Amino acid sequence: MARGNEPVEIPEVDALAGFPLPNERDRLIGHKGTEKALLDAYRSERLHHAWILGGPKGIGKATLAFRFARFVVAHPDRFGPDVAAAQDLSVPAEHPVARQMKAGGHPNVLHLRRPWDDKSKRFKTELPVDEIRRTVSFFGTTASAKAWRICIVDAADDMNISSANALLKVLEEPPERCLFLVLSHAPGRLLPTIRSRCRRIDLEPLSSDEICEGLRELAPDAVPSADDLRELAHTSDGSLRSAITLLSGDGLAIAKGLKSLAENASQLDLAATHGLADLVAARGQSDNWESLSTSSRSGFTNACGGICATALPVRTDTWSCGTKPAGRSGTPIRSIWIASRSSSTSFSPSGQRDLCALPRPCLHVSLP
C-alpha cells in the first residue's frame, strides 16, 4: 500500500553527512575581524541594508551570515545596552532565537538556495527566479515595529539572469528594517548593479591552524595523525569544507596519490596512476571526485614546486577529440589522460586518441 501521507525528508543543498549545517553552528572558526566589522556596522548610526560576503567556498560565509542574522533577530535594538556591550556576534545556545534557527528556521529569516527537484531527485542547478520572488511575500508580512527581517542568498553565484534581476529590484527598493546577506564565491562575477547596491566584505581563506581547529571540533573521532592533519590543512586550501571532504572516504589517499604522481612525474608509475583513477572513477563515488578537484586545485598544483602545471578531473564528454590544452602561459604542454583500469589506456595528444571513446571518467594530468 502506498504511503503518500508520510512526510518526506528533503535534503539540504551542500550538506555534509554527519556534520552540522551553518544555521546549526554555535561557533565561528576564524574571521574575527570580519565579525567585528559587522558588529560595529550594526551598532553604528547608519547601517547599510545589503552586504556581500565573498570568498572561496567552504570557508564559513554561511556560518557567519546565520551568526549575524541570529544576533540581529535576538537583539533588534541596535542601540540597546546588550548590543553596546557585545564583544562578538554570539548568542547563547539556550536563547529562543538560537533554538528556533537551529531547529530549521525563524519566521524573520529567509534562506534562499537551490531548491530540491522532487521529480529528478536532485537539486536544481540554478537558484531560480521563483525562489527570489519569495522575498515579496516574506517582506510583505506584518512584523512588529522593532523586528528585523533578514534574507540570506546562498549563493548568489547560482542565480540565472532572471533571478539576478529579481534580486536587483528588491535591493533597489528595500523595505524598512531589512537586511540582505548575499553570499558569493566569486563576487566579481555578480551583476555590477547588484554589487553597487551592496557593501562588500571579502573573507580570507582559513589558516592551517584554523583548519586543524575546525577538524578537531567537528570530527574529533576522525582526526588522523599529526602529519596527516597538517597534510589536510595544507591541501584544503583554506576551506574547512574541503578539509572535511578530504577527511571522509578516500580523500586523504587521493591527496597523497596526486602529490606522489606530481613529484614523480618524470618517471610516471602507470600502475599507481591507474589505481588512483580507479579510486576516483568508482561508481557512486562523487565525494572522491570532489576530493580530487580539491587536491588538484591546491596540493597538486601548488605544493609540487611547479612540477605539474595542472591536474583536473574531467568527464570524457568535456573535451573534443584530440584537443590539446594550452599551458597557463599559452605555451603548449604535454598532456596525459589516464583512464580507469577498465579501459587501461594512457595516451598523449600526439597520438590523437579519441577522448570521447573512453567508457568512464579519466584523470587528466598536464606536465610542463
Protein backbone atom coordinates (compact mmCIF):
# COMPACT_ATOMS: atom_id res chain seq x y z
CA MET A 1 0.00 0.00 0.00
CA ALA A 2 1.30 3.44 -0.86
CA ARG A 3 2.27 5.65 1.99
CA GLY A 4 1.67 9.00 0.37
CA ASN A 5 0.75 10.71 3.64
CA GLU A 6 4.12 10.07 5.25
CA PRO A 7 6.34 13.16 5.47
CA VAL A 8 9.24 13.18 3.02
CA GLU A 9 12.55 14.46 4.32
CA ILE A 10 14.02 16.91 1.81
CA PRO A 11 17.83 17.04 1.84
CA GLU A 12 19.72 20.27 2.35
CA VAL A 13 21.84 21.55 -0.51
CA ASP A 14 25.60 21.25 0.07
CA ALA A 15 25.04 19.32 3.31
CA LEU A 16 27.86 17.07 4.52
CA ALA A 17 26.56 13.89 6.11
CA GLY A 18 27.19 13.79 9.85
CA PHE A 19 28.20 17.46 10.13
CA PRO A 20 26.11 20.43 11.31
CA LEU A 21 24.63 22.89 8.84
CA PRO A 22 25.65 26.57 9.04
CA ASN A 23 22.42 27.51 10.85
CA GLU A 24 23.21 24.84 13.48
CA ARG A 25 26.72 26.07 14.25
CA ASP A 26 27.25 27.88 17.55
CA ARG A 27 30.88 28.78 16.89
CA LEU A 28 32.63 30.53 14.05
CA ILE A 29 36.08 29.34 13.02
CA GLY A 30 38.27 32.32 12.13
CA HIS A 31 37.06 35.62 10.58
CA LYS A 32 37.22 37.55 13.87
CA GLY A 33 37.97 40.80 12.07
CA THR A 34 35.01 40.40 9.72
CA GLU A 35 32.73 39.52 12.62
CA LYS A 36 33.85 42.67 14.45
CA ALA A 37 33.23 44.76 11.32
CA LEU A 38 29.64 43.51 11.06
CA LEU A 39 29.04 44.12 14.76
CA ASP A 40 30.38 47.67 14.52
CA ALA A 41 28.23 48.31 11.44
CA TYR A 42 25.11 47.06 13.22
CA ARG A 43 25.51 49.43 16.15
CA SER A 44 26.57 52.41 14.01
CA GLU A 45 24.35 55.34 13.11
CA ARG A 46 23.94 54.22 9.51
CA LEU A 47 23.52 50.51 8.74
CA HIS A 48 23.57 49.52 5.09
CA HIS A 49 20.71 47.23 4.10
CA ALA A 50 22.67 44.81 1.86
CA TRP A 51 26.00 43.04 2.31
CA ILE A 52 28.01 40.78 0.03
CA LEU A 53 30.04 38.20 1.93
CA GLY A 54 32.62 36.98 -0.56
CA GLY A 55 35.29 34.33 -0.54
CA PRO A 56 36.05 30.75 -1.60
CA LYS A 57 33.52 28.01 -0.92
CA GLY A 58 33.65 26.31 2.46
CA ILE A 59 35.45 28.98 4.49
CA GLY A 60 32.46 29.93 6.68
CA LYS A 61 30.44 32.57 4.80
CA ALA A 62 27.09 30.90 5.51
CA THR A 63 28.02 30.24 9.14
CA LEU A 64 28.89 33.92 9.57
CA ALA A 65 25.68 35.00 7.81
CA PHE A 66 23.50 32.92 10.14
CA ARG A 67 25.53 34.11 13.12
CA PHE A 68 24.89 37.73 12.16
CA ALA A 69 21.20 37.05 11.46
CA ARG A 70 20.81 35.27 14.80
CA PHE A 71 22.37 38.21 16.65
CA VAL A 72 20.22 40.81 14.87
CA VAL A 73 16.96 38.93 15.46
CA ALA A 74 17.88 38.32 19.10
CA HIS A 75 18.90 41.99 19.62
CA PRO A 76 16.59 44.12 17.44
CA ASP A 77 17.50 47.35 19.28
CA ARG A 78 20.79 48.39 17.63
CA PHE A 79 21.47 50.97 20.32
CA GLY A 80 20.45 48.89 23.33
CA PRO A 81 22.81 48.01 26.19
CA ASP A 82 23.22 44.37 25.10
CA VAL A 83 24.45 45.37 21.65
CA ALA A 84 26.71 48.07 23.08
CA ALA A 85 28.32 45.56 25.46
CA ALA A 86 28.69 42.74 22.89
CA GLN A 87 32.22 41.60 22.06
CA ASP A 88 31.14 39.43 19.13
CA LEU A 89 28.00 38.14 17.38
CA SER A 90 27.48 35.13 19.62
CA VAL A 91 24.04 34.30 21.01
CA PRO A 92 23.63 31.80 23.88
CA ALA A 93 22.55 28.37 22.66
CA GLU A 94 19.58 28.39 25.06
CA HIS A 95 18.23 31.67 23.63
CA PRO A 96 14.82 31.15 21.94
CA VAL A 97 16.08 32.62 18.66
CA ALA A 98 19.11 30.33 18.66
CA ARG A 99 16.90 27.30 19.31
CA GLN A 100 14.48 28.28 16.53
CA MET A 101 17.20 28.78 13.95
CA LYS A 102 18.96 25.59 14.94
CA ALA A 103 15.67 23.70 14.57
CA GLY A 104 15.37 24.76 10.96
CA GLY A 105 14.35 28.38 10.74
CA HIS A 106 12.91 31.56 12.17
CA PRO A 107 9.92 33.40 10.67
CA ASN A 108 12.01 36.55 10.29
CA VAL A 109 14.87 34.85 8.42
CA LEU A 110 14.53 33.75 4.79
CA HIS A 111 17.20 31.41 3.45
CA LEU A 112 17.28 31.27 -0.37
CA ARG A 113 19.24 28.44 -2.01
CA ARG A 114 18.96 26.00 -4.89
CA PRO A 115 15.73 24.03 -4.37
CA TRP A 116 15.23 20.28 -4.43
CA ASP A 117 13.61 18.88 -7.57
CA ASP A 118 11.41 16.02 -6.42
CA LYS A 119 10.93 14.70 -9.96
CA SER A 120 14.62 14.29 -10.76
CA LYS A 121 15.55 13.59 -7.11
CA ARG A 122 18.35 16.11 -7.20
CA PHE A 123 18.97 19.78 -6.54
CA LYS A 124 18.35 22.23 -9.33
CA THR A 125 21.48 23.58 -10.95
CA GLU A 126 20.39 27.20 -10.54
CA LEU A 127 18.77 29.45 -7.97
CA PRO A 128 15.58 30.19 -9.95
CA VAL A 129 13.61 33.39 -10.08
CA ASP A 130 10.70 31.81 -8.19
CA GLU A 131 12.95 31.46 -5.15
CA ILE A 132 13.95 35.12 -5.27
CA ARG A 133 10.29 36.11 -5.60
CA ARG A 134 9.64 34.55 -2.21
CA THR A 135 11.01 37.83 -0.85
CA VAL A 136 7.76 39.53 -1.94
CA SER A 137 5.58 37.57 0.49
CA PHE A 138 8.36 37.44 3.09
CA PHE A 139 8.79 41.21 3.32
CA GLY A 140 5.06 41.73 2.78
CA THR A 141 4.08 40.00 6.02
CA THR A 142 3.38 42.08 9.08
CA ALA A 143 6.13 42.21 11.67
CA SER A 144 6.39 44.03 14.96
CA ALA A 145 7.72 47.58 14.86
CA LYS A 146 11.10 46.58 16.26
CA ALA A 147 11.60 43.31 14.39
CA TRP A 148 14.19 42.87 11.65
CA ARG A 149 13.69 40.65 8.64
CA ILE A 150 16.76 39.11 7.06
CA CYS A 151 17.21 37.43 3.68
CA ILE A 152 20.26 35.19 3.12
CA VAL A 153 21.04 34.46 -0.55
CA ASP A 154 23.14 31.30 -0.59
CA ALA A 155 24.80 31.55 -3.00
CA ALA A 156 24.32 34.39 -5.46
CA ASP A 157 26.64 32.60 -7.91
CA ASP A 158 23.81 30.11 -8.56
CA MET A 159 21.39 32.76 -9.85
CA ASN A 160 20.46 32.99 -13.51
CA ILE A 161 19.90 36.33 -15.19
CA SER A 162 16.18 36.39 -14.32
CA SER A 163 16.74 35.70 -10.63
CA ALA A 164 19.61 38.20 -10.54
CA ASN A 165 17.34 40.91 -11.96
CA ALA A 166 14.61 39.97 -9.48
CA LEU A 167 17.08 40.35 -6.60
CA LEU A 168 18.26 43.66 -8.01
CA LYS A 169 14.71 45.00 -7.97
CA VAL A 170 14.30 44.18 -4.28
CA LEU A 171 17.69 45.71 -3.46
CA GLU A 172 16.70 48.91 -5.24
CA GLU A 173 13.55 49.30 -3.15
CA PRO A 174 14.38 47.74 0.23
CA PRO A 175 11.66 47.51 2.88
CA GLU A 176 12.24 49.09 6.27
CA ARG A 177 14.25 47.21 8.87
CA CYS A 178 15.50 44.57 6.46
CA LEU A 179 18.93 43.09 5.81
CA PHE A 180 20.23 41.20 2.78
CA LEU A 181 23.23 38.92 3.25
CA VAL A 182 24.37 37.89 -0.22
CA LEU A 183 26.92 35.07 -0.23
CA SER A 184 29.20 34.72 -3.22
CA HIS A 185 32.19 32.53 -4.04
CA ALA A 186 33.21 34.97 -6.81
CA PRO A 187 31.71 38.43 -6.09
CA GLY A 188 33.40 39.97 -9.11
CA ARG A 189 31.14 37.94 -11.38
CA LEU A 190 27.90 39.32 -9.93
CA LEU A 191 25.98 41.97 -11.84
CA PRO A 192 27.68 45.36 -11.38
CA THR A 193 24.29 46.82 -10.43
CA ILE A 194 23.96 44.30 -7.60
CA ARG A 195 27.50 44.99 -6.39
CA SER A 196 26.87 48.72 -6.44
CA ARG A 197 23.91 48.36 -4.06
CA CYS A 198 25.76 46.25 -1.51
CA ARG A 199 28.59 46.72 0.90
CA ARG A 200 31.18 44.04 0.20
CA ILE A 201 33.29 42.17 2.71
CA ASP A 202 35.73 39.56 1.44
CA LEU A 203 36.53 36.71 3.81
CA GLU A 204 40.04 35.28 3.72
CA PRO A 205 40.71 31.53 3.45
CA LEU A 206 41.24 29.90 6.83
CA SER A 207 44.76 29.38 8.11
CA SER A 208 46.19 25.89 8.63
CA ASP A 209 45.79 26.30 12.39
CA GLU A 210 42.13 27.27 11.95
CA ILE A 211 41.52 24.28 9.66
CA CYS A 212 43.04 22.00 12.31
CA GLU A 213 40.90 23.67 14.99
CA GLY A 214 37.77 23.13 12.94
CA LEU A 215 38.55 19.46 12.26
CA ARG A 216 39.24 18.77 15.93
CA GLU A 217 35.92 20.36 16.86
CA LEU A 218 33.73 18.88 14.15
CA ALA A 219 35.34 15.47 13.70
CA PRO A 220 37.27 14.66 16.89
CA ASP A 221 36.99 10.90 16.35
CA ALA A 222 38.14 11.06 12.72
CA VAL A 223 41.16 13.32 13.11
CA PRO A 224 44.21 11.46 11.73
CA SER A 225 47.82 11.65 12.86
CA ALA A 226 49.54 15.00 13.26
CA ASP A 227 51.30 14.61 9.89
CA ASP A 228 48.06 13.74 8.09
CA LEU A 229 46.29 16.62 9.82
CA ARG A 230 48.91 19.03 8.52
CA GLU A 231 48.57 17.50 5.05
CA LEU A 232 44.79 18.00 5.16
CA ALA A 233 45.15 21.60 6.35
CA HIS A 234 47.61 22.35 3.55
CA THR A 235 45.70 20.58 0.76
CA SER A 236 42.30 22.04 1.68
CA ASP A 237 43.48 25.48 0.53
CA GLY A 238 41.86 27.34 3.42
CA SER A 239 38.44 25.67 3.10
CA LEU A 240 37.12 23.76 6.10
CA ARG A 241 34.52 22.11 3.87
CA SER A 242 37.26 20.81 1.59
CA ALA A 243 39.20 19.51 4.59
CA ILE A 244 36.12 17.65 5.84
CA THR A 245 35.55 16.18 2.37
CA LEU A 246 39.16 15.02 2.21
CA LEU A 247 38.90 13.55 5.70
CA SER A 248 35.92 11.42 4.77
CA GLY A 249 36.14 8.42 2.47
CA ASP A 250 39.28 8.17 0.37
CA GLY A 251 40.08 11.88 0.28
CA LEU A 252 43.39 11.66 2.09
CA ALA A 253 44.53 8.73 -0.05
CA ILE A 254 43.64 10.69 -3.18
CA ALA A 255 45.53 13.76 -2.00
CA LYS A 256 48.63 11.68 -1.25
CA GLY A 257 48.32 9.83 -4.56
CA LEU A 258 48.14 13.06 -6.54
CA LYS A 259 51.11 14.52 -4.71
CA SER A 260 53.17 11.39 -5.35
CA LEU A 261 52.15 11.40 -9.01
CA ALA A 262 53.27 15.01 -9.41
CA GLU A 263 56.56 14.57 -7.56
CA ASN A 264 57.45 11.56 -9.72
CA ALA A 265 56.06 12.89 -12.99
CA SER A 266 59.31 12.32 -14.86
CA GLN A 267 59.03 8.58 -14.13
CA LEU A 268 55.29 8.05 -14.26
CA ASP A 269 54.13 4.99 -12.34
CA LEU A 270 51.29 3.81 -14.56
CA ALA A 271 50.13 1.12 -12.13
CA ALA A 272 49.78 3.66 -9.31
CA THR A 273 48.11 6.15 -11.64
CA HIS A 274 45.59 3.59 -12.85
CA GLY A 275 44.89 2.69 -9.22
CA LEU A 276 44.24 6.34 -8.44
CA ALA A 277 41.92 6.63 -11.46
CA ASP A 278 40.03 3.52 -10.31
CA LEU A 279 39.61 5.04 -6.86
CA VAL A 280 38.23 8.30 -8.24
CA ALA A 281 36.09 6.83 -11.02
CA ALA A 282 34.38 4.16 -8.89
CA ARG A 283 30.64 4.15 -9.36
CA GLY A 284 28.81 6.38 -6.91
CA GLN A 285 31.97 7.98 -5.51
CA SER A 286 31.00 11.64 -6.01
CA ASP A 287 32.90 12.56 -2.83
CA ASN A 288 36.05 11.15 -4.39
CA TRP A 289 35.56 13.41 -7.40
CA GLU A 290 35.22 16.40 -5.08
CA SER A 291 38.34 15.31 -3.20
CA LEU A 292 40.24 15.04 -6.48
CA SER A 293 39.09 18.51 -7.50
CA THR A 294 40.16 19.97 -4.15
CA SER A 295 43.56 18.28 -4.24
CA SER A 296 44.19 19.28 -7.85
CA ARG A 297 43.49 22.93 -7.06
CA SER A 298 45.92 23.09 -4.19
CA GLY A 299 48.11 20.19 -3.19
CA PHE A 300 48.78 19.01 -6.73
CA THR A 301 49.34 22.34 -8.41
CA ASN A 302 50.84 24.45 -5.64
CA ALA A 303 52.79 22.10 -3.40
CA CYS A 304 54.94 20.39 -6.00
CA GLY A 305 57.35 23.15 -6.94
CA GLY A 306 56.00 23.65 -10.44
CA ILE A 307 56.49 20.03 -11.44
CA CYS A 308 52.87 19.82 -12.53
CA ALA A 309 51.07 22.62 -14.33
CA THR A 310 47.52 21.38 -13.88
CA ALA A 311 45.66 18.32 -12.77
CA LEU A 312 41.97 18.26 -13.40
CA PRO A 313 39.25 15.62 -13.18
CA VAL A 314 37.34 15.76 -16.43
CA ARG A 315 34.39 13.88 -17.80
CA THR A 316 35.07 12.33 -21.18
CA ASP A 317 32.48 14.47 -22.91
CA THR A 318 34.19 17.66 -21.69
CA TRP A 319 36.94 17.54 -24.29
CA SER A 320 36.71 17.38 -28.05
CA CYS A 321 38.60 14.59 -29.75
CA GLY A 322 42.30 15.33 -29.94
CA THR A 323 42.09 18.61 -28.02
CA LYS A 324 45.41 19.80 -26.66
CA PRO A 325 45.01 22.30 -23.82
CA ALA A 326 47.45 25.20 -23.60
CA GLY A 327 49.56 25.96 -20.56
CA ARG A 328 48.94 28.90 -18.30
CA SER A 329 51.50 30.93 -20.23
CA GLY A 330 49.91 29.98 -23.53
CA THR A 331 52.75 27.63 -24.48
CA PRO A 332 51.96 24.01 -25.35
CA ILE A 333 52.28 21.42 -22.61
CA ARG A 334 52.44 17.65 -22.67
CA SER A 335 49.16 16.13 -21.51
CA ILE A 336 48.37 12.65 -20.34
CA TRP A 337 44.89 11.22 -19.88
CA ILE A 338 44.78 8.13 -17.71
CA ALA A 339 41.54 6.19 -17.82
CA SER A 340 40.44 3.84 -15.10
CA ARG A 341 41.69 0.28 -15.33
CA SER A 342 38.51 -0.79 -17.12
CA SER A 343 39.97 0.65 -20.33
CA SER A 344 43.68 0.56 -19.36
CA THR A 345 44.59 3.33 -21.76
CA SER A 346 47.14 6.10 -21.48
CA PHE A 347 47.92 8.48 -24.32
CA SER A 348 49.02 11.97 -25.30
CA PRO A 349 47.63 14.46 -27.82
CA SER A 350 50.32 13.44 -30.29
CA GLY A 351 48.57 10.08 -30.56
CA GLN A 352 45.28 11.83 -31.42
CA ARG A 353 43.28 9.24 -29.48
CA ASP A 354 39.53 9.72 -29.29
CA LEU A 355 38.82 11.01 -25.77
CA CYS A 356 35.10 10.58 -26.21
CA ALA A 357 35.59 6.84 -26.71
CA LEU A 358 36.60 6.31 -23.09
CA PRO A 359 33.84 4.43 -21.26
CA ARG A 360 34.45 6.10 -17.89
CA PRO A 361 35.87 9.34 -16.48
CA CYS A 362 39.60 9.75 -16.69
CA LEU A 363 42.34 11.57 -14.85
CA HIS A 364 43.91 14.41 -16.82
CA VAL A 365 47.47 15.44 -15.96
CA SER A 366 49.38 18.23 -17.66
CA LEU A 367 53.14 18.31 -17.45
CA PRO A 368 55.50 21.23 -18.24
